Amino acid sequence: MKPQIHTKSALTLFFSFLLSFLLHAQITIEAENYSSVVNGNSEIVLENSGASIGYFDEKDEMLHYSVNITESGYYEMGLRSLAGVNNTVECITSTNASGYIFISAASAGDWWLTPIGNWTTSSFTSSPLFFFESGQQSFTLRNTGTGVNIDKIVLSKSTITNTTISSIIVNPEKVELMPNKSVQITAYGVNTDNKTIAAPIT
């Protein structure tokens, strides 16, 4: 019986460690728990009985958040959200590092009526790496010009340590400038593993 007791204890310790690791690996921030907001012409509102952000649909509208980071390091960011078209939301950290988070579009029709249980979470693998020191930190979500509703923000601790920017990718790669026409150009810094790094805005 003693070996069985030891085996059970080992398994209990293992699963306790695994649960502790998973709890520390991700940090969830409910979108409605912002610290301050910058509205556009229409006011950003709470929807789904106060469980999500709606009318976040104008360029340069902003949601400011405060978060307690348990461990310093690089984090990938995912948004549980809903949108009518494929678009991005810009995240700007307190260190002035900026990166764009891709959001997949809803199917079709009246996308804003989709039940919150059917919303999707953006892929962590498509998120840039944001560096956060441990302790109370802040970040801002900025609308880039299209409608998106947000349920929650999830920070996932990355195991990547290669954070030296080795090249810059520009999208679009080529631009044909015309009189009285503006084109948005987005630059991404990537490391040698082709992973996007959120860098300070200059």
Protein backbone atom coordinates (compact mmCIF):
# COMPACT_ATOMS: atom_id res chain seq x y z
CA MET A 1 0.00 0.00 0.00
CA LYS A 2 2.83 2.42 0.70
CA PRO A 3 4.04 2.60 -2.92
CA GLN A 4 0.44 3.38 -3.97
CA ILE A 5 0.23 6.20 -1.43
CA HIS A 6 3.52 7.62 -2.70
CA THR A 7 2.34 7.37 -6.32
CA LYS A 8 -0.92 9.12 -5.49
CA SER A 9 0.94 11.88 -3.66
CA ALA A 10 3.27 12.36 -6.63
CA LEU A 11 0.32 12.63 -9.02
CA THR A 12 -1.42 15.08 -6.70
CA LEU A 13 1.70 17.25 -6.55
CA PHE A 14 2.09 17.07 -10.34
CA PHE A 15 -1.48 18.17 -11.05
CA SER A 16 -1.27 20.87 -8.39
CA PHE A 17 1.89 22.17 -10.09
CA LEU A 18 0.24 21.96 -13.53
CA LEU A 19 -2.85 23.85 -12.31
CA SER A 20 -0.66 26.49 -10.69
CA PHE A 21 1.36 26.85 -13.92
CA LEU A 22 -1.76 27.22 -16.05
CA LEU A 23 -3.24 29.81 -13.69
CA HIS A 24 -0.03 31.86 -13.85
CA ALA A 25 0.40 31.34 -17.60
CA GLN A 26 -2.72 33.32 -18.48
CA ILE A 27 -4.25 36.53 -17.17
CA THR A 28 -7.84 37.40 -18.10
CA ILE A 29 -9.17 40.97 -18.12
CA GLU A 30 -12.89 41.47 -18.66
CA ALA A 31 -13.35 44.14 -21.36
CA GLU A 32 -15.96 46.04 -19.35
CA ASN A 33 -13.47 46.55 -16.49
CA TYR A 34 -11.61 49.39 -18.19
CA SER A 35 -10.08 52.17 -16.10
CA SER A 36 -11.00 54.95 -18.54
CA VAL A 37 -12.33 55.40 -22.07
CA VAL A 38 -12.01 57.80 -25.01
CA ASN A 39 -15.26 57.96 -27.01
CA GLY A 40 -15.76 59.02 -30.61
CA ASN A 41 -18.97 60.55 -31.95
CA SER A 42 -21.00 57.70 -30.47
CA GLU A 43 -20.50 56.50 -26.91
CA ILE A 44 -18.93 53.12 -26.18
CA VAL A 45 -21.51 51.10 -24.24
CA LEU A 46 -21.82 47.91 -22.18
CA GLU A 47 -23.83 45.08 -23.75
CA ASN A 48 -24.83 41.51 -22.88
CA SER A 49 -26.06 42.58 -19.43
CA GLY A 50 -22.83 44.48 -18.83
CA ALA A 51 -20.56 41.58 -19.80
CA SER A 52 -19.07 43.04 -22.99
CA ILE A 53 -18.06 46.24 -24.79
CA GLY A 54 -20.18 47.46 -27.72
CA TYR A 55 -20.07 50.38 -30.16
CA PHE A 56 -16.26 50.29 -30.15
CA ASP A 57 -16.46 51.25 -33.80
CA GLU A 58 -14.68 54.54 -34.52
CA LYS A 59 -11.04 55.17 -35.40
CA ASP A 60 -8.96 56.30 -32.41
CA GLU A 61 -11.54 55.36 -29.78
CA MET A 62 -9.61 53.97 -26.83
CA LEU A 63 -10.09 51.66 -23.86
CA HIS A 64 -7.52 51.97 -21.05
CA TYR A 65 -6.83 49.03 -18.73
CA SER A 66 -4.84 48.33 -15.57
CA VAL A 67 -3.58 44.79 -14.93
CA ASN A 68 -1.58 43.04 -12.24
CA ILE A 69 1.25 41.09 -13.91
CA THR A 70 2.39 38.19 -11.74
CA GLU A 71 5.64 37.52 -13.60
CA SER A 72 7.80 39.76 -15.78
CA GLY A 73 8.20 38.66 -19.37
CA TYR A 74 6.75 38.70 -22.86
CA TYR A 75 3.05 38.05 -23.30
CA GLU A 76 0.87 37.30 -26.30
CA MET A 77 -2.57 38.88 -26.32
CA GLY A 78 -5.87 37.38 -27.42
CA LEU A 79 -9.25 39.09 -27.65
CA ARG A 80 -12.57 37.30 -27.27
CA SER A 81 -14.52 39.50 -29.63
CA LEU A 82 -17.00 39.88 -32.44
CA ALA A 83 -16.62 41.85 -35.65
CA GLY A 84 -18.33 42.27 -38.99
CA VAL A 85 -15.15 42.25 -41.07
CA ASN A 86 -11.57 41.12 -40.59
CA ASN A 87 -9.71 43.93 -38.85
CA THR A 88 -7.16 44.77 -36.18
CA VAL A 89 -7.13 46.46 -32.79
CA GLU A 90 -3.94 48.22 -31.73
CA CYS A 91 -2.54 47.58 -28.27
CA ILE A 92 -0.24 50.22 -26.75
CA THR A 93 1.55 49.39 -23.49
CA SER A 94 2.69 51.79 -20.77
CA THR A 95 6.22 51.53 -22.22
CA ASN A 96 4.84 52.93 -25.50
CA ALA A 97 5.31 49.61 -27.30
CA SER A 98 2.65 49.01 -29.93
CA GLY A 99 1.33 46.00 -31.86
CA TYR A 100 -1.76 44.97 -33.82
CA ILE A 101 -4.03 42.10 -32.85
CA PHE A 102 -5.90 40.39 -35.69
CA ILE A 103 -9.64 39.83 -35.26
CA SER A 104 -11.57 37.31 -37.37
CA ALA A 105 -14.90 38.37 -38.80
CA ALA A 106 -18.26 36.89 -37.83
CA SER A 107 -20.07 34.83 -40.45
CA ALA A 108 -22.51 37.17 -42.19
CA GLY A 109 -25.70 39.12 -41.75
CA ASP A 110 -26.46 40.88 -38.46
CA TRP A 111 -23.16 39.91 -36.83
CA TRP A 112 -23.78 42.14 -33.78
CA LEU A 113 -26.72 39.90 -32.79
CA THR A 114 -24.49 36.81 -32.38
CA PRO A 115 -24.87 35.39 -28.83
CA ILE A 116 -21.80 36.05 -26.70
CA GLY A 117 -21.30 32.30 -26.23
CA ASN A 118 -20.54 32.03 -29.97
CA TRP A 119 -17.90 34.77 -30.10
CA THR A 120 -14.37 33.80 -31.10
CA THR A 121 -10.97 34.30 -29.47
CA SER A 122 -8.22 35.69 -31.67
CA SER A 123 -5.24 33.38 -32.09
CA PHE A 124 -2.36 33.96 -29.67
CA THR A 125 0.02 32.86 -32.41
CA SER A 126 -0.94 35.91 -34.51
CA SER A 127 -0.38 38.34 -31.63
CA PRO A 128 2.86 40.28 -31.23
CA LEU A 129 4.88 39.84 -28.05
CA PHE A 130 4.26 42.57 -25.47
CA PHE A 131 6.73 42.98 -22.60
CA PHE A 132 5.31 43.59 -19.11
CA GLU A 133 7.17 44.05 -15.85
CA SER A 134 5.70 42.31 -12.80
CA GLY A 135 3.30 44.41 -10.72
CA GLN A 136 0.53 46.82 -11.67
CA GLN A 137 0.84 47.74 -15.35
CA SER A 138 -1.38 49.36 -17.96
CA PHE A 139 -2.22 49.08 -21.65
CA THR A 140 -4.60 50.70 -24.13
CA LEU A 141 -6.72 49.22 -26.90
CA ARG A 142 -7.14 51.63 -29.84
CA ASN A 143 -9.75 51.18 -32.55
CA THR A 144 -8.25 51.26 -36.05
CA GLY A 145 -11.46 52.22 -37.84
CA THR A 146 -13.91 49.30 -37.91
CA GLY A 147 -16.60 47.96 -35.60
CA VAL A 148 -15.70 45.38 -32.98
CA ASN A 149 -17.35 44.22 -29.75
CA ILE A 150 -15.06 42.83 -27.03
CA ASP A 151 -15.82 40.34 -24.27
CA LYS A 152 -12.40 39.83 -22.67
CA ILE A 153 -8.66 40.24 -23.12
CA VAL A 154 -6.36 37.31 -22.32
CA LEU A 155 -2.60 37.67 -21.77
CA SER A 156 -0.67 34.44 -22.31
CA LYS A 157 2.93 34.15 -21.05
CA SER A 158 5.28 33.34 -23.91
CA THR A 159 8.22 30.97 -23.66
CA ILE A 160 10.05 32.80 -26.46
CA THR A 161 13.27 34.46 -25.34
CA ASN A 162 14.58 35.66 -28.71
CA THR A 163 13.19 39.19 -28.71
CA THR A 164 15.85 41.00 -30.76
CA ILE A 165 14.24 42.60 -33.80
CA SER A 166 16.11 41.40 -36.87
CA SER A 167 13.96 42.85 -39.65
CA ILE A 168 10.98 45.06 -40.40
CA ILE A 169 7.97 43.95 -42.46
CA VAL A 170 5.82 46.66 -44.01
CA ASN A 171 2.21 46.11 -45.07
CA PRO A 172 1.42 46.87 -47.83
CA GLU A 173 4.88 46.27 -49.30
CA LYS A 174 4.29 48.70 -52.17
CA VAL A 175 2.17 51.83 -52.24
CA GLU A 176 1.04 53.89 -55.22
CA LEU A 177 0.50 57.41 -53.98
CA MET A 178 -2.17 59.51 -55.64
CA PRO A 179 -3.08 63.20 -55.07
CA ASN A 180 -5.45 63.73 -52.12
CA LYS A 181 -5.30 60.04 -51.18
CA SER A 182 -3.96 58.62 -47.95
CA VAL A 183 -2.75 55.07 -47.37
CA GLN A 184 -2.18 53.46 -43.97
CA ILE A 185 1.16 51.67 -43.76
CA THR A 186 1.75 49.24 -40.90
CA ALA A 187 5.29 48.22 -39.90
CA TYR A 188 6.03 45.03 -37.95
CA GLY A 189 9.31 44.18 -36.22
CA VAL A 190 10.14 40.45 -36.29
CA ASN A 191 12.87 38.30 -34.74
CA THR A 192 14.87 35.56 -36.46
CA ASP A 193 12.08 33.08 -35.65
CA ASN A 194 9.68 35.31 -37.64
CA LYS A 195 7.81 36.26 -34.46
CA THR A 196 6.37 39.78 -34.24
CA ILE A 197 7.72 41.92 -31.39
CA ALA A 198 5.78 44.94 -30.14
CA ALA A 199 8.29 47.79 -30.19
CA PRO A 200 8.13 51.33 -28.75
CA ILE A 201 6.51 53.98 -30.97
CA THR A 202 9.00 56.54 -32.23
